[in-house]
Structures are given as C-alpha cells and as structure tokens.
PDB file of N, CA and C in Angstrom:
ATOM      1  N   MET A   1      20.136 -60.489 -69.827  1.00  0.00           N
ATOM      2  CA  MET A   1      21.436 -61.048 -69.596  1.00  0.00           C
ATOM      3  C   MET A   1      21.259 -62.428 -68.956  1.00  0.00           C
ATOM      4  N   ALA A   2      21.958 -63.387 -69.489  1.00  0.00           N
ATOM      5  CA  ALA A   2      21.879 -64.742 -68.946  1.00  0.00           C
ATOM      6  C   ALA A   2      22.611 -64.801 -67.609  1.00  0.00           C
ATOM      7  N   THR A   3      22.110 -65.638 -66.745  1.00  0.00           N
ATOM      8  CA  THR A   3      22.755 -65.818 -65.447  1.00  0.00           C
ATOM      9  C   THR A   3      23.017 -67.296 -65.221  1.00  0.00           C
ATOM     10  N   LYS A   4      23.896 -67.574 -64.272  1.00  0.00           N
ATOM     11  CA  LYS A   4      24.203 -68.940 -63.926  1.00  0.00           C
ATOM     12  C   LYS A   4      24.356 -69.020 -62.412  1.00  0.00           C
ATOM     13  N   LYS A   5      23.790 -70.038 -61.834  1.00  0.00           N
ATOM     14  CA  LYS A   5      23.859 -70.236 -60.397  1.00  0.00           C
ATOM     15  C   LYS A   5      25.188 -70.904 -60.046  1.00  0.00           C
ATOM     16  N   VAL A   6      25.867 -70.365 -59.031  1.00  0.00           N
ATOM     17  CA  VAL A   6      27.123 -70.927 -58.558  1.00  0.00           C
ATOM     18  C   VAL A   6      27.089 -71.016 -57.039  1.00  0.00           C
ATOM     19  N   THR A   7      27.987 -71.791 -56.494  1.00  0.00           N
ATOM     20  CA  THR A   7      28.107 -71.900 -55.048  1.00  0.00           C
ATOM     21  C   THR A   7      29.426 -71.271 -54.632  1.00  0.00           C
ATOM     22  N   VAL A   8      29.380 -70.385 -53.644  1.00  0.00           N
ATOM     23  CA  VAL A   8      30.584 -69.761 -53.110  1.00  0.00           C
ATOM     24  C   VAL A   8      30.572 -69.886 -51.594  1.00  0.00           C
ATOM     25  N   THR A   9      31.745 -69.817 -51.015  1.00  0.00           N
ATOM     26  CA  THR A   9      31.872 -69.858 -49.560  1.00  0.00           C
ATOM     27  C   THR A   9      32.294 -68.472 -49.088  1.00  0.00           C
ATOM     28  N   ILE A  10      31.516 -67.916 -48.162  1.00  0.00           N
ATOM     29  CA  ILE A  10      31.755 -66.561 -47.653  1.00  0.00           C
ATOM     30  C   ILE A  10      31.801 -66.635 -46.131  1.00  0.00           C
ATOM     31  N   PRO A  11      32.757 -65.959 -45.498  1.00  0.00           N
ATOM     32  CA  PRO A  11      32.776 -65.937 -44.032  1.00  0.00           C
ATOM     33  C   PRO A  11      31.421 -65.473 -43.481  1.00  0.00           C
ATOM     34  N   GLU A  12      30.972 -66.133 -42.453  1.00  0.00           N
ATOM     35  CA  GLU A  12      29.629 -65.893 -41.908  1.00  0.00           C
ATOM     36  C   GLU A  12      29.399 -64.440 -41.503  1.00  0.00           C
ATOM     37  N   ASP A  13      30.373 -63.829 -40.830  1.00  0.00           N
ATOM     38  CA  ASP A  13      30.193 -62.441 -40.393  1.00  0.00           C
ATOM     39  C   ASP A  13      30.071 -61.495 -41.581  1.00  0.00           C
ATOM     40  N   LEU A  14      30.852 -61.738 -42.634  1.00  0.00           N
ATOM     41  CA  LEU A  14      30.761 -60.914 -43.837  1.00  0.00           C
ATOM     42  C   LEU A  14      29.408 -61.101 -44.515  1.00  0.00           C
ATOM     43  N   LEU A  15      28.949 -62.316 -44.588  1.00  0.00           N
ATOM     44  CA  LEU A  15      27.658 -62.603 -45.206  1.00  0.00           C
ATOM     45  C   LEU A  15      26.528 -61.866 -44.497  1.00  0.00           C
ATOM     46  N   GLU A  16      26.565 -61.846 -43.179  1.00  0.00           N
ATOM     47  CA  GLU A  16      25.521 -61.139 -42.426  1.00  0.00           C
ATOM     48  C   GLU A  16      25.551 -59.642 -42.714  1.00  0.00           C
ATOM     49  N   GLU A  17      26.748 -59.069 -42.785  1.00  0.00           N
ATOM     50  CA  GLU A  17      26.855 -57.647 -43.118  1.00  0.00           C
ATOM     51  C   GLU A  17      26.302 -57.374 -44.512  1.00  0.00           C
ATOM     52  N   ILE A  18      26.668 -58.207 -45.456  1.00  0.00           N
ATOM     53  CA  ILE A  18      26.225 -58.028 -46.840  1.00  0.00           C
ATOM     54  C   ILE A  18      24.711 -58.158 -46.942  1.00  0.00           C
ATOM     55  N   ARG A  19      24.155 -59.127 -46.272  1.00  0.00           N
ATOM     56  CA  ARG A  19      22.694 -59.295 -46.322  1.00  0.00           C
ATOM     57  C   ARG A  19      21.987 -58.052 -45.822  1.00  0.00           C
ATOM     58  N   GLY A  20      22.533 -57.429 -44.789  1.00  0.00           N
ATOM     59  CA  GLY A  20      21.940 -56.200 -44.271  1.00  0.00           C
ATOM     60  C   GLY A  20      21.997 -55.060 -45.276  1.00  0.00           C
ATOM     61  N   GLU A  21      23.109 -54.959 -45.990  1.00  0.00           N
ATOM     62  CA  GLU A  21      23.290 -53.883 -46.963  1.00  0.00           C
ATOM     63  C   GLU A  21      22.572 -54.158 -48.278  1.00  0.00           C
ATOM     64  N   ALA A  22      22.388 -55.421 -48.607  1.00  0.00           N
ATOM     65  CA  ALA A  22      21.836 -55.802 -49.914  1.00  0.00           C
ATOM     66  C   ALA A  22      20.328 -55.973 -49.896  1.00  0.00           C
ATOM     67  N   ALA A  23      19.705 -55.695 -48.791  1.00  0.00           N
ATOM     68  CA  ALA A  23      18.295 -56.007 -48.551  1.00  0.00           C
ATOM     69  C   ALA A  23      17.390 -55.879 -49.774  1.00  0.00           C
ATOM     70  N   GLU A  24      17.203 -54.667 -50.292  1.00  0.00           N
ATOM     71  CA  GLU A  24      16.253 -54.468 -51.393  1.00  0.00           C
ATOM     72  C   GLU A  24      16.745 -55.038 -52.711  1.00  0.00           C
ATOM     73  N   ARG A  25      18.023 -54.871 -52.995  1.00  0.00           N
ATOM     74  CA  ARG A  25      18.579 -55.361 -54.260  1.00  0.00           C
ATOM     75  C   ARG A  25      18.659 -56.873 -54.295  1.00  0.00           C
ATOM     76  N   GLY A  26      18.907 -57.465 -53.143  1.00  0.00           N
ATOM     77  CA  GLY A  26      19.093 -58.900 -53.073  1.00  0.00           C
ATOM     78  C   GLY A  26      20.571 -59.250 -53.071  1.00  0.00           C
ATOM     79  N   LEU A  27      20.862 -60.372 -52.469  1.00  0.00           N
ATOM     80  CA  LEU A  27      22.242 -60.810 -52.306  1.00  0.00           C
ATOM     81  C   LEU A  27      22.924 -61.046 -53.651  1.00  0.00           C
ATOM     82  N   SER A  28      22.243 -61.685 -54.585  1.00  0.00           N
ATOM     83  CA  SER A  28      22.855 -61.976 -55.885  1.00  0.00           C
ATOM     84  C   SER A  28      23.253 -60.696 -56.617  1.00  0.00           C
ATOM     85  N   ALA A  29      22.388 -59.709 -56.629  1.00  0.00           N
ATOM     86  CA  ALA A  29      22.699 -58.449 -57.302  1.00  0.00           C
ATOM     87  C   ALA A  29      23.870 -57.750 -56.621  1.00  0.00           C
ATOM     88  N   TYR A  30      23.906 -57.787 -55.305  1.00  0.00           N
ATOM     89  CA  TYR A  30      24.984 -57.160 -54.548  1.00  0.00           C
ATOM     90  C   TYR A  30      26.317 -57.817 -54.873  1.00  0.00           C
ATOM     91  N   VAL A  31      26.343 -59.137 -54.857  1.00  0.00           N
ATOM     92  CA  VAL A  31      27.573 -59.878 -55.134  1.00  0.00           C
ATOM     93  C   VAL A  31      28.007 -59.658 -56.585  1.00  0.00           C
ATOM     94  N   ALA A  32      27.069 -59.670 -57.525  1.00  0.00           N
ATOM     95  CA  ALA A  32      27.406 -59.446 -58.928  1.00  0.00           C
ATOM     96  C   ALA A  32      28.043 -58.067 -59.115  1.00  0.00           C
ATOM     97  N   GLU A  33      27.482 -57.049 -58.480  1.00  0.00           N
ATOM     98  CA  GLU A  33      28.042 -55.701 -58.581  1.00  0.00           C
ATOM     99  C   GLU A  33      29.435 -55.648 -57.948  1.00  0.00           C
ATOM    100  N   ALA A  34      29.611 -56.296 -56.810  1.00  0.00           N
ATOM    101  CA  ALA A  34      30.933 -56.326 -56.166  1.00  0.00           C
ATOM    102  C   ALA A  34      31.965 -56.997 -57.068  1.00  0.00           C
ATOM    103  N   LEU A  35      31.573 -58.051 -57.738  1.00  0.00           N
ATOM    104  CA  LEU A  35      32.492 -58.739 -58.652  1.00  0.00           C
ATOM    105  C   LEU A  35      32.830 -57.867 -59.853  1.00  0.00           C
ATOM    106  N   ARG A  36      31.846 -57.119 -60.357  1.00  0.00           N
ATOM    107  CA  ARG A  36      32.127 -56.207 -61.468  1.00  0.00           C
ATOM    108  C   ARG A  36      33.127 -55.130 -61.055  1.00  0.00           C
ATOM    109  N   VAL A  37      32.928 -54.573 -59.870  1.00  0.00           N
ATOM    110  CA  VAL A  37      33.837 -53.535 -59.367  1.00  0.00           C
ATOM    111  C   VAL A  37      35.248 -54.100 -59.212  1.00  0.00           C
ATOM    112  N   LYS A  38      35.359 -55.293 -58.661  1.00  0.00           N
ATOM    113  CA  LYS A  38      36.663 -55.934 -58.483  1.00  0.00           C
ATOM    114  C   LYS A  38      37.316 -56.205 -59.832  1.00  0.00           C
ATOM    115  N   ARG A  39      36.560 -56.715 -60.792  1.00  0.00           N
ATOM    116  CA  ARG A  39      37.086 -56.968 -62.126  1.00  0.00           C
ATOM    117  C   ARG A  39      37.584 -55.674 -62.764  1.00  0.00           C
ATOM    118  N   ASP A  40      36.803 -54.600 -62.654  1.00  0.00           N
ATOM    119  CA  ASP A  40      37.199 -53.320 -63.227  1.00  0.00           C
ATOM    120  C   ASP A  40      38.471 -52.789 -62.568  1.00  0.00           C
ATOM    121  N   ARG A  41      38.564 -52.934 -61.257  1.00  0.00           N
ATOM    122  CA  ARG A  41      39.758 -52.485 -60.531  1.00  0.00           C
ATOM    123  C   ARG A  41      40.980 -53.288 -60.973  1.00  0.00           C
ATOM    124  N   ASP A  42      40.813 -54.604 -61.133  1.00  0.00           N
ATOM    125  CA  ASP A  42      41.914 -55.449 -61.611  1.00  0.00           C
ATOM    126  C   ASP A  42      42.382 -55.005 -62.993  1.00  0.00           C
ATOM    127  N   ARG A  43      41.441 -54.650 -63.845  1.00  0.00           N
ATOM    128  CA  ARG A  43      41.800 -54.180 -65.183  1.00  0.00           C
ATOM    129  C   ARG A  43      42.560 -52.859 -65.126  1.00  0.00           C
ATOM    130  N   LEU A  44      42.156 -51.986 -64.214  1.00  0.00           N
ATOM    131  CA  LEU A  44      42.875 -50.718 -64.052  1.00  0.00           C
ATOM    132  C   LEU A  44      44.303 -50.959 -63.565  1.00  0.00           C
ATOM    133  N   VAL A  45      44.468 -51.894 -62.650  1.00  0.00           N
ATOM    134  CA  VAL A  45      45.813 -52.233 -62.160  1.00  0.00           C
ATOM    135  C   VAL A  45      46.663 -52.749 -63.317  1.00  0.00           C
ATOM    136  N   GLU A  46      46.077 -53.591 -64.163  1.00  0.00           N
ATOM    137  CA  GLU A  46      46.806 -54.086 -65.337  1.00  0.00           C
ATOM    138  C   GLU A  46      47.200 -52.930 -66.258  1.00  0.00           C
ATOM    139  N   LEU A  47      46.304 -51.969 -66.449  1.00  0.00           N
ATOM    140  CA  LEU A  47      46.602 -50.815 -67.291  1.00  0.00           C
ATOM    141  C   LEU A  47      47.736 -49.992 -66.698  1.00  0.00           C
ATOM    142  N   VAL A  48      47.672 -49.736 -65.407  1.00  0.00           N
ATOM    143  CA  VAL A  48      48.731 -48.962 -64.742  1.00  0.00           C
ATOM    144  C   VAL A  48      50.072 -49.688 -64.875  1.00  0.00           C
ATOM    145  N   ASP A  49      50.061 -50.997 -64.659  1.00  0.00           N
ATOM    146  CA  ASP A  49      51.296 -51.769 -64.806  1.00  0.00           C
ATOM    147  C   ASP A  49      51.850 -51.634 -66.220  1.00  0.00           C
ATOM    148  N   TRP A  50      50.989 -51.741 -67.212  1.00  0.00           N
ATOM    149  CA  TRP A  50      51.424 -51.631 -68.605  1.00  0.00           C
ATOM    150  C   TRP A  50      51.970 -50.237 -68.890  1.00  0.00           C
ATOM    151  N   LEU A  51      51.245 -49.206 -68.427  1.00  0.00           N
ATOM    152  CA  LEU A  51      51.692 -47.836 -68.656  1.00  0.00           C
ATOM    153  C   LEU A  51      53.044 -47.573 -67.995  1.00  0.00           C
ATOM    154  N   GLU A  52      53.233 -48.120 -66.793  1.00  0.00           N
ATOM    155  CA  GLU A  52      54.517 -47.937 -66.119  1.00  0.00           C
ATOM    156  C   GLU A  52      55.637 -48.666 -66.853  1.00  0.00           C
ATOM    157  N   GLU A  53      55.331 -49.811 -67.430  1.00  0.00           N
ATOM    158  CA  GLU A  53      56.335 -50.513 -68.240  1.00  0.00           C
ATOM    159  C   GLU A  53      56.704 -49.681 -69.467  1.00  0.00           C
ATOM    160  N   GLU A  54      55.707 -49.074 -70.089  1.00  0.00           N
ATOM    161  CA  GLU A  54      55.935 -48.297 -71.310  1.00  0.00           C
ATOM    162  C   GLU A  54      56.586 -46.942 -71.045  1.00  0.00           C
ATOM    163  N   HIS A  55      56.180 -46.273 -69.963  1.00  0.00           N
ATOM    164  CA  HIS A  55      56.575 -44.873 -69.744  1.00  0.00           C
ATOM    165  C   HIS A  55      57.317 -44.643 -68.437  1.00  0.00           C
ATOM    166  N   GLY A  56      57.497 -45.670 -67.652  1.00  0.00           N
ATOM    167  CA  GLY A  56      58.146 -45.515 -66.353  1.00  0.00           C
ATOM    168  C   GLY A  56      57.147 -45.130 -65.278  1.00  0.00           C
ATOM    169  N   PRO A  57      57.551 -45.266 -64.028  1.00  0.00           N
ATOM    170  CA  PRO A  57      56.630 -44.948 -62.927  1.00  0.00           C
ATOM    171  C   PRO A  57      56.334 -43.446 -62.854  1.00  0.00           C
ATOM    172  N   VAL A  58      55.211 -43.133 -62.251  1.00  0.00           N
ATOM    173  CA  VAL A  58      54.817 -41.745 -62.047  1.00  0.00           C
ATOM    174  C   VAL A  58      55.747 -41.144 -60.999  1.00  0.00           C
ATOM    175  N   THR A  59      56.280 -39.964 -61.302  1.00  0.00           N
ATOM    176  CA  THR A  59      57.194 -39.310 -60.369  1.00  0.00           C
ATOM    177  C   THR A  59      56.406 -38.590 -59.274  1.00  0.00           C
ATOM    178  N   GLU A  60      57.099 -38.251 -58.204  1.00  0.00           N
ATOM    179  CA  GLU A  60      56.442 -37.535 -57.114  1.00  0.00           C
ATOM    180  C   GLU A  60      56.005 -36.143 -57.569  1.00  0.00           C
ATOM    181  N   SER A  61      56.766 -35.503 -58.430  1.00  0.00           N
ATOM    182  CA  SER A  61      56.362 -34.175 -58.924  1.00  0.00           C
ATOM    183  C   SER A  61      55.103 -34.276 -59.789  1.00  0.00           C
ATOM    184  N   GLU A  62      54.968 -35.348 -60.566  1.00  0.00           N
ATOM    185  CA  GLU A  62      53.752 -35.552 -61.355  1.00  0.00           C
ATOM    186  C   GLU A  62      52.558 -35.792 -60.440  1.00  0.00           C
ATOM    187  N   ARG A  63      52.768 -36.584 -59.380  1.00  0.00           N
ATOM    188  CA  ARG A  63      51.685 -36.811 -58.406  1.00  0.00           C
ATOM    189  C   ARG A  63      51.263 -35.504 -57.749  1.00  0.00           C
ATOM    190  N   ALA A  64      52.238 -34.679 -57.368  1.00  0.00           N
ATOM    191  CA  ALA A  64      51.942 -33.398 -56.720  1.00  0.00           C
ATOM    192  C   ALA A  64      51.161 -32.486 -57.660  1.00  0.00           C
ATOM    193  N   ALA A  65      51.537 -32.476 -58.934  1.00  0.00           N
ATOM    194  CA  ALA A  65      50.833 -31.638 -59.906  1.00  0.00           C
ATOM    195  C   ALA A  65      49.383 -32.082 -60.051  1.00  0.00           C
ATOM    196  N   VAL A  66      49.168 -33.387 -60.078  1.00  0.00           N
ATOM    197  CA  VAL A  66      47.793 -33.901 -60.191  1.00  0.00           C
ATOM    198  C   VAL A  66      47.002 -33.572 -58.931  1.00  0.00           C
ATOM    199  N   ARG A  67      47.616 -33.745 -57.756  1.00  0.00           N
ATOM    200  CA  ARG A  67      46.917 -33.400 -56.505  1.00  0.00           C
ATOM    201  C   ARG A  67      46.505 -31.928 -56.511  1.00  0.00           C
ATOM    202  N   HIS A  68      47.419 -31.064 -56.967  1.00  0.00           N
ATOM    203  CA  HIS A  68      47.128 -29.628 -57.033  1.00  0.00           C
ATOM    204  C   HIS A  68      45.952 -29.367 -57.985  1.00  0.00           C
ATOM    205  N   GLU A  69      45.975 -30.010 -59.131  1.00  0.00           N
ATOM    206  CA  GLU A  69      44.882 -29.838 -60.101  1.00  0.00           C
ATOM    207  C   GLU A  69      43.560 -30.335 -59.527  1.00  0.00           C
ATOM    208  N   LEU A  70      43.587 -31.472 -58.830  1.00  0.00           N
ATOM    209  CA  LEU A  70      42.355 -31.986 -58.213  1.00  0.00           C
ATOM    210  C   LEU A  70      41.850 -31.045 -57.127  1.00  0.00           C
ATOM    211  N   ASP A  71      42.768 -30.459 -56.346  1.00  0.00           N
ATOM    212  CA  ASP A  71      42.363 -29.479 -55.330  1.00  0.00           C
ATOM    213  C   ASP A  71      41.677 -28.281 -55.987  1.00  0.00           C
ATOM    214  N   ASP A  72      42.235 -27.816 -57.119  1.00  0.00           N
ATOM    215  CA  ASP A  72      41.616 -26.700 -57.847  1.00  0.00           C
ATOM    216  C   ASP A  72      40.218 -27.070 -58.342  1.00  0.00           C
ATOM    217  N   LEU A  73      40.085 -28.290 -58.874  1.00  0.00           N
ATOM    218  CA  LEU A  73      38.767 -28.745 -59.346  1.00  0.00           C
ATOM    219  C   LEU A  73      37.778 -28.865 -58.195  1.00  0.00           C
ATOM    220  N   ASP A  74      38.236 -29.380 -57.046  1.00  0.00           N
ATOM    221  CA  ASP A  74      37.355 -29.470 -55.878  1.00  0.00           C
ATOM    222  C   ASP A  74      36.890 -28.084 -55.438  1.00  0.00           C
ATOM    223  N   ALA A  75      37.805 -27.125 -55.422  1.00  0.00           N
ATOM    224  CA  ALA A  75      37.446 -25.760 -55.022  1.00  0.00           C
ATOM    225  C   ALA A  75      36.429 -25.168 -55.990  1.00  0.00           C
ATOM    226  N   GLU A  76      36.640 -25.384 -57.289  1.00  0.00           N
ATOM    227  CA  GLU A  76      35.696 -24.884 -58.294  1.00  0.00           C
ATOM    228  C   GLU A  76      34.323 -25.538 -58.126  1.00  0.00           C
ATOM    229  N   HIS A  77      34.324 -26.842 -57.859  1.00  0.00           N
ATOM    230  CA  HIS A  77      33.062 -27.560 -57.662  1.00  0.00           C
ATOM    231  C   HIS A  77      32.307 -27.001 -56.456  1.00  0.00           C
ATOM    232  N   LYS A  78      33.016 -26.772 -55.357  1.00  0.00           N
ATOM    233  CA  LYS A  78      32.369 -26.226 -54.151  1.00  0.00           C
ATOM    234  C   LYS A  78      31.811 -24.835 -54.421  1.00  0.00           C
ATOM    235  N   LEU A  79      32.577 -24.037 -55.171  1.00  0.00           N
ATOM    236  CA  LEU A  79      32.126 -22.687 -55.503  1.00  0.00           C
ATOM    237  C   LEU A  79      30.850 -22.741 -56.337  1.00  0.00           C
ATOM    238  N   ARG A  80      30.837 -23.589 -57.352  1.00  0.00           N
ATOM    239  CA  ARG A  80      29.648 -23.719 -58.211  1.00  0.00           C
ATOM    240  C   ARG A  80      28.462 -24.282 -57.433  1.00  0.00           C
ATOM    241  N   ALA A  81      28.723 -25.264 -56.572  1.00  0.00           N
ATOM    242  CA  ALA A  81      27.637 -25.837 -55.769  1.00  0.00           C
ATOM    243  C   ALA A  81      27.065 -24.780 -54.837  1.00  0.00           C
ATOM    244  N   GLY A  82      27.913 -23.952 -54.288  1.00  0.00           N
ATOM    245  CA  GLY A  82      27.457 -22.872 -53.409  1.00  0.00           C
ATOM    246  C   GLY A  82      26.580 -21.886 -54.148  1.00  0.00           C
ATOM    247  N   ARG A  83      26.980 -21.535 -55.368  1.00  0.00           N
ATOM    248  CA  ARG A  83      26.184 -20.597 -56.177  1.00  0.00           C
ATOM    249  C   ARG A  83      24.825 -21.218 -56.509  1.00  0.00           C
ATOM    250  N   LYS A  84      24.847 -22.511 -56.838  1.00  0.00           N
ATOM    251  CA  LYS A  84      23.621 -23.206 -57.205  1.00  0.00           C
ATOM    252  C   LYS A  84      22.651 -23.237 -56.034  1.00  0.00           C
ATOM    253  N   ASN A  85      23.191 -23.354 -54.813  1.00  0.00           N
ATOM    254  CA  ASN A  85      22.347 -23.440 -53.614  1.00  0.00           C
ATOM    255  C   ASN A  85      22.109 -22.077 -52.981  1.00  0.00           C
ATOM    256  N   GLY A  86      22.562 -21.006 -53.648  1.00  0.00           N
ATOM    257  CA  GLY A  86      22.309 -19.665 -53.130  1.00  0.00           C
ATOM    258  C   GLY A  86      23.279 -19.212 -52.074  1.00  0.00           C
ATOM    259  N   VAL A  87      24.346 -19.962 -51.838  1.00  0.00           N
ATOM    260  CA  VAL A  87      25.329 -19.579 -50.834  1.00  0.00           C
ATOM    261  C   VAL A  87      26.285 -18.573 -51.442  1.00  0.00           C
ATOM    262  N   GLY A  88      26.588 -17.526 -50.713  1.00  0.00           N
ATOM    263  CA  GLY A  88      27.563 -16.553 -51.170  1.00  0.00           C
ATOM    264  C   GLY A  88      27.009 -15.509 -52.119  1.00  0.00           C
ATOM    265  N   GLU A  89      25.701 -15.480 -52.360  1.00  0.00           N
ATOM    266  CA  GLU A  89      25.116 -14.483 -53.243  1.00  0.00           C
ATOM    267  C   GLU A  89      24.778 -13.240 -52.449  1.00  0.00           C
ATOM    268  N   ALA A  90      24.897 -12.092 -53.080  1.00  0.00           N
ATOM    269  CA  ALA A  90      24.579 -10.824 -52.411  1.00  0.00           C
ATOM    270  C   ALA A  90      23.086 -10.753 -52.148  1.00  0.00           C
ATOM    271  N   ALA A  91      22.742 -10.133 -50.997  1.00  0.00           N
ATOM    272  CA  ALA A  91      21.336 -10.009 -50.618  1.00  0.00           C
ATOM    273  C   ALA A  91      20.690  -8.801 -51.190  1.00  0.00           C
TER     274      ALA A  91
END
C-alpha cells in the first residue's frame, strides 16, 4: 500500500499518551488505524441517517427488543464459554 507523509498538529498531552500506547506499532500505524476507525464510524453515521430518512427513526420498543435479544446472546455466550472452560460441568 502506498503511503504519503503529511504534517498534522496534535495537542502535546494527547501525543504523549498516544506515543505510550503506540510503542511497538509506531505512531504512524497508530494514527492510520485511528483514522480508519473514525472514517468507518462516519460512514455508519451516514448509513443510519439514510436509513432513518427512508424508514423513520428507531422506536423505543424496537430498541428494547434489540437490547433484550443482545442480553439473550450475551447469556448464551457466557454459558458456552463456561462449558468450554469446564465451568458448570458435573463432577
């Protein structure tokens, strides 16, 4: 993949934190990944905006149904993880 060098201005305190976290990967790789994540999030926001224009906003009952489904999936995941690690098995 081709790369291009650019100059950016970053608050000093943030830069120091990032350098600490980016140690092995390097600052450029860390910043590139952060930009990809931000770009992807922006695209998701655009998709949500478009979907809401097409179908209307998500209702509170729809949100509650999804939360309930996610809770069920989390419970199933914990149960399977427990079985995989030998938790809850008869002796």
